[in-house]
């Protein structure tokens, strides 16, 4: 099997991009608002941090809620169609020997 080779321009660009990403990512400390809100121990700051916490939980739960709701709808419709097919099959007169 032939090995895959990257174009020369891509190889020349890969090292500087990787170094830049490494340098910039070292400065990403997370959410500065949450950090500052927790550092100040006043009740308003803690309420802001609590609000961020619950909004993050909501955002994490949303994909599971959407996929679960869609899956439940499809499952219910399949059950309904199968029940309709079974009852239609039982009510239909049989022809033949």
N, C-alpha and C. Protein backbone atom coordinates (compact mmCIF):
# COMPACT_ATOMS: atom_id res chain seq x y z
N UNK A 1 0.83 -1.17 0.00
CA UNK A 1 0.00 0.00 0.00
C UNK A 1 0.88 1.24 0.00
N UNK A 2 0.51 2.22 -0.78
CA UNK A 2 1.29 3.44 -0.91
C UNK A 2 1.07 4.35 0.29
N UNK A 3 2.15 4.90 0.83
CA UNK A 3 2.01 5.78 1.98
C UNK A 3 1.48 7.14 1.53
N UNK A 4 0.74 7.78 2.43
CA UNK A 4 0.15 9.07 2.13
C UNK A 4 1.16 10.17 2.43
N UNK A 5 1.38 11.06 1.49
CA UNK A 5 2.34 12.15 1.68
C UNK A 5 1.58 13.47 1.64
N UNK A 6 1.92 14.35 2.56
CA UNK A 6 1.30 15.66 2.60
C UNK A 6 2.03 16.59 1.64
N UNK A 7 1.31 17.56 1.08
CA UNK A 7 1.97 18.53 0.20
C UNK A 7 3.04 19.31 0.97
N UNK A 8 4.03 19.78 0.25
CA UNK A 8 5.15 20.49 0.86
C UNK A 8 4.70 21.73 1.60
N UNK A 9 3.77 22.48 1.05
CA UNK A 9 3.29 23.70 1.72
C UNK A 9 2.63 23.37 3.05
N UNK A 10 1.90 22.27 3.10
CA UNK A 10 1.26 21.88 4.35
C UNK A 10 2.28 21.46 5.39
N UNK A 11 3.32 20.76 4.97
CA UNK A 11 4.37 20.37 5.91
C UNK A 11 5.11 21.58 6.45
N UNK A 12 5.35 22.58 5.61
CA UNK A 12 6.04 23.79 6.06
C UNK A 12 5.19 24.60 7.01
N UNK A 13 3.88 24.54 6.86
CA UNK A 13 2.97 25.32 7.68
C UNK A 13 2.64 24.62 9.00
N UNK A 14 2.79 23.32 9.07
CA UNK A 14 2.36 22.56 10.24
C UNK A 14 3.14 22.93 11.50
N UNK A 15 4.44 23.05 11.42
CA UNK A 15 5.25 23.35 12.61
C UNK A 15 4.95 24.74 13.18
N UNK A 16 4.91 25.80 12.37
CA UNK A 16 4.58 27.11 12.96
C UNK A 16 3.17 27.16 13.56
N UNK A 17 2.21 26.50 12.92
CA UNK A 17 0.85 26.48 13.46
C UNK A 17 0.81 25.72 14.78
N UNK A 18 1.51 24.60 14.86
CA UNK A 18 1.55 23.83 16.10
C UNK A 18 2.23 24.63 17.21
N UNK A 19 3.31 25.31 16.91
CA UNK A 19 3.98 26.13 17.92
C UNK A 19 3.10 27.28 18.39
N UNK A 20 2.41 27.93 17.47
CA UNK A 20 1.51 29.02 17.83
C UNK A 20 0.37 28.51 18.71
N UNK A 21 -0.20 27.38 18.36
CA UNK A 21 -1.28 26.81 19.16
C UNK A 21 -0.78 26.46 20.56
N UNK A 22 0.43 25.93 20.65
CA UNK A 22 0.99 25.58 21.96
C UNK A 22 1.19 26.83 22.82
N UNK A 23 1.69 27.90 22.22
CA UNK A 23 1.94 29.13 22.97
C UNK A 23 0.63 29.78 23.39
N UNK A 24 -0.34 29.85 22.48
CA UNK A 24 -1.62 30.50 22.78
C UNK A 24 -2.43 29.68 23.78
N UNK A 25 -2.43 28.38 23.65
CA UNK A 25 -3.21 27.54 24.56
C UNK A 25 -2.67 27.58 25.97
N UNK A 26 -1.43 27.90 26.13
CA UNK A 26 -0.88 28.04 27.48
C UNK A 26 -1.49 29.20 28.24
N UNK A 27 -2.01 30.19 27.51
CA UNK A 27 -2.62 31.36 28.13
C UNK A 27 -4.10 31.17 28.42
N UNK A 28 -4.73 30.16 27.88
CA UNK A 28 -6.15 29.95 28.11
C UNK A 28 -6.34 29.35 29.49
N UNK A 29 -6.87 30.15 30.40
CA UNK A 29 -7.02 29.72 31.79
C UNK A 29 -8.44 29.31 32.13
N UNK A 30 -9.31 29.30 31.17
CA UNK A 30 -10.69 28.94 31.45
C UNK A 30 -11.56 30.18 31.48
N UNK A 31 -12.65 30.08 32.16
CA UNK A 31 -13.63 31.16 32.21
C UNK A 31 -13.17 32.22 33.21
N UNK A 32 -12.76 33.39 32.77
CA UNK A 32 -12.28 34.40 33.70
C UNK A 32 -13.38 34.94 34.60
N UNK A 33 -14.61 34.96 34.11
CA UNK A 33 -15.70 35.46 34.95
C UNK A 33 -15.95 34.54 36.13
N UNK A 34 -15.94 33.24 35.89
CA UNK A 34 -16.15 32.29 36.99
C UNK A 34 -15.01 32.39 38.00
N UNK A 35 -13.80 32.48 37.49
CA UNK A 35 -12.64 32.56 38.39
C UNK A 35 -12.71 33.80 39.26
N UNK A 36 -13.03 34.94 38.65
CA UNK A 36 -13.12 36.18 39.41
C UNK A 36 -14.29 36.17 40.38
N UNK A 37 -15.40 35.57 39.98
CA UNK A 37 -16.57 35.52 40.84
C UNK A 37 -16.32 34.66 42.07
N UNK A 38 -15.57 33.59 41.92
CA UNK A 38 -15.29 32.72 43.06
C UNK A 38 -14.22 33.35 43.95
N UNK A 39 -13.27 34.07 43.35
CA UNK A 39 -12.24 34.72 44.16
C UNK A 39 -12.83 35.76 45.09
N UNK A 40 -13.79 36.51 44.62
CA UNK A 40 -14.46 37.47 45.49
C UNK A 40 -15.52 36.69 46.25
N UNK A 41 -15.44 36.68 47.53
CA UNK A 41 -16.33 35.83 48.32
C UNK A 41 -17.61 36.55 48.72
N UNK A 42 -18.01 37.56 47.95
CA UNK A 42 -19.29 38.20 48.26
C UNK A 42 -20.42 37.35 47.70
N UNK A 43 -21.61 37.44 48.26
CA UNK A 43 -22.73 36.58 47.83
C UNK A 43 -23.11 36.79 46.37
N UNK A 44 -23.00 38.02 45.86
CA UNK A 44 -23.36 38.25 44.46
C UNK A 44 -22.39 37.52 43.53
N UNK A 45 -21.12 37.53 43.87
CA UNK A 45 -20.14 36.82 43.06
C UNK A 45 -20.38 35.32 43.06
N UNK A 46 -20.73 34.79 44.22
CA UNK A 46 -21.02 33.36 44.29
C UNK A 46 -22.29 33.01 43.54
N UNK A 47 -23.27 33.90 43.53
CA UNK A 47 -24.48 33.66 42.75
C UNK A 47 -24.19 33.66 41.26
N UNK A 48 -23.28 34.52 40.82
CA UNK A 48 -22.89 34.53 39.41
C UNK A 48 -22.21 33.21 39.05
N UNK A 49 -21.32 32.75 39.91
CA UNK A 49 -20.64 31.47 39.66
C UNK A 49 -21.64 30.32 39.65
N UNK A 50 -22.61 30.36 40.55
CA UNK A 50 -23.64 29.31 40.58
C UNK A 50 -24.48 29.35 39.30
N UNK A 51 -24.77 30.55 38.82
CA UNK A 51 -25.52 30.69 37.57
C UNK A 51 -24.76 30.10 36.39
N UNK A 52 -23.45 30.35 36.34
CA UNK A 52 -22.63 29.76 35.28
C UNK A 52 -22.65 28.23 35.38
N UNK A 53 -22.56 27.73 36.60
CA UNK A 53 -22.55 26.29 36.83
C UNK A 53 -23.82 25.65 36.28
N UNK A 54 -24.99 26.23 36.62
CA UNK A 54 -26.24 25.65 36.15
C UNK A 54 -26.44 25.82 34.65
N UNK A 55 -25.94 26.90 34.09
CA UNK A 55 -26.07 27.05 32.64
C UNK A 55 -25.21 26.03 31.91
N UNK A 56 -24.06 25.71 32.46
CA UNK A 56 -23.20 24.68 31.86
C UNK A 56 -23.88 23.32 31.95
N UNK A 57 -24.51 23.02 33.10
CA UNK A 57 -25.22 21.76 33.22
C UNK A 57 -26.36 21.67 32.21
N UNK A 58 -27.08 22.77 32.02
CA UNK A 58 -28.16 22.79 31.05
C UNK A 58 -27.64 22.54 29.64
N UNK A 59 -26.55 23.19 29.29
CA UNK A 59 -25.99 23.00 27.95
C UNK A 59 -25.47 21.58 27.74
N UNK A 60 -24.93 20.97 28.80
CA UNK A 60 -24.47 19.59 28.67
C UNK A 60 -25.63 18.61 28.54
N UNK A 61 -26.75 18.91 29.19
CA UNK A 61 -27.90 18.00 29.16
C UNK A 61 -28.71 18.13 27.87
N UNK A 62 -28.61 19.25 27.18
CA UNK A 62 -29.46 19.50 26.01
C UNK A 62 -29.29 18.46 24.89
N UNK A 63 -28.08 18.08 24.47
CA UNK A 63 -27.98 17.07 23.40
C UNK A 63 -28.61 15.74 23.79
N UNK A 64 -28.43 15.33 25.05
CA UNK A 64 -29.03 14.07 25.49
C UNK A 64 -30.55 14.17 25.51
N UNK A 65 -31.07 15.32 25.91
CA UNK A 65 -32.51 15.53 25.92
C UNK A 65 -33.08 15.48 24.51
N UNK A 66 -32.43 16.14 23.57
CA UNK A 66 -32.92 16.15 22.20
C UNK A 66 -32.87 14.77 21.57
N UNK A 67 -31.75 14.08 21.72
CA UNK A 67 -31.63 12.74 21.14
C UNK A 67 -32.59 11.77 21.81
N UNK A 68 -32.74 11.87 23.13
CA UNK A 68 -33.67 11.00 23.84
C UNK A 68 -35.11 11.25 23.44
N UNK A 69 -35.48 12.52 23.27
CA UNK A 69 -36.85 12.86 22.85
C UNK A 69 -37.13 12.35 21.45
N UNK A 70 -36.20 12.55 20.55
CA UNK A 70 -36.38 12.05 19.18
C UNK A 70 -36.46 10.53 19.16
N UNK A 71 -35.60 9.87 19.93
CA UNK A 71 -35.62 8.41 19.99
C UNK A 71 -36.93 7.89 20.56
N UNK A 72 -37.45 8.55 21.60
CA UNK A 72 -38.72 8.13 22.18
C UNK A 72 -39.87 8.32 21.19
N UNK A 73 -39.83 9.41 20.43
CA UNK A 73 -40.86 9.65 19.41
C UNK A 73 -40.82 8.57 18.34
N UNK A 74 -39.65 8.24 17.85
CA UNK A 74 -39.52 7.21 16.81
C UNK A 74 -39.97 5.87 17.36
N UNK A 75 -39.58 5.53 18.58
CA UNK A 75 -39.96 4.26 19.20
C UNK A 75 -41.48 4.18 19.35
N UNK A 76 -42.10 5.29 19.81
CA UNK A 76 -43.55 5.30 19.99
C UNK A 76 -44.28 5.16 18.66
N UNK A 77 -43.79 5.84 17.63
CA UNK A 77 -44.42 5.75 16.31
C UNK A 77 -44.27 4.34 15.73
N UNK A 78 -43.13 3.73 15.94
CA UNK A 78 -42.94 2.35 15.43
C UNK A 78 -43.88 1.39 16.15
N UNK A 79 -44.03 1.58 17.46
CA UNK A 79 -44.97 0.74 18.22
C UNK A 79 -46.39 0.95 17.75
N UNK A 80 -46.77 2.21 17.51
CA UNK A 80 -48.12 2.52 17.05
C UNK A 80 -48.39 1.90 15.68
N UNK A 81 -47.41 2.00 14.77
CA UNK A 81 -47.59 1.43 13.44
C UNK A 81 -47.65 -0.10 13.48
N UNK A 82 -46.85 -0.69 14.36
CA UNK A 82 -46.88 -2.16 14.48
C UNK A 82 -48.21 -2.62 15.06
N UNK A 83 -48.72 -1.87 16.06
CA UNK A 83 -50.02 -2.22 16.63
C UNK A 83 -51.13 -2.07 15.59
N UNK A 84 -51.05 -1.02 14.77
CA UNK A 84 -52.05 -0.83 13.72
C UNK A 84 -51.95 -1.94 12.68
N UNK A 85 -50.76 -2.35 12.34
CA UNK A 85 -50.58 -3.43 11.37
C UNK A 85 -51.10 -4.75 11.94
N UNK A 86 -50.83 -5.00 13.22
CA UNK A 86 -51.29 -6.24 13.84
C UNK A 86 -52.81 -6.28 13.93
N UNK A 87 -53.43 -5.16 14.30
CA UNK A 87 -54.89 -5.14 14.41
C UNK A 87 -55.52 -5.19 13.02
N UNK A 88 -54.92 -4.60 12.04
CA UNK A 88 -55.44 -4.67 10.66
C UNK A 88 -55.30 -6.07 10.10
N UNK A 89 -54.25 -6.75 10.49
CA UNK A 89 -54.03 -8.11 10.03
C UNK A 89 -55.04 -9.06 10.65
N UNK A 90 -55.37 -8.85 11.92
CA UNK A 90 -56.33 -9.71 12.60
C UNK A 90 -57.75 -9.45 12.10
N UNK A 91 -58.05 -8.19 11.74
CA UNK A 91 -59.41 -7.86 11.30
C UNK A 91 -59.64 -8.21 9.83
N UNK A 92 -58.61 -8.36 9.07
CA UNK A 92 -58.75 -8.64 7.64
C UNK A 92 -59.23 -10.07 7.45
N UNK A 93 -60.21 -10.25 6.56
CA UNK A 93 -60.68 -11.64 6.32
C UNK A 93 -59.62 -12.43 5.57
N UNK A 94 -59.55 -13.68 5.88
CA UNK A 94 -58.56 -14.54 5.23
C UNK A 94 -59.21 -15.17 4.01
N UNK A 95 -58.50 -15.13 2.93
CA UNK A 95 -58.97 -15.75 1.70
C UNK A 95 -58.08 -16.96 1.40
N UNK A 96 -58.65 -17.93 0.87
CA UNK A 96 -57.85 -19.08 0.50
C UNK A 96 -58.26 -20.33 1.25
N UNK A 97 -57.53 -21.40 1.08
CA UNK A 97 -57.92 -22.69 1.68
C UNK A 97 -57.82 -22.74 3.15
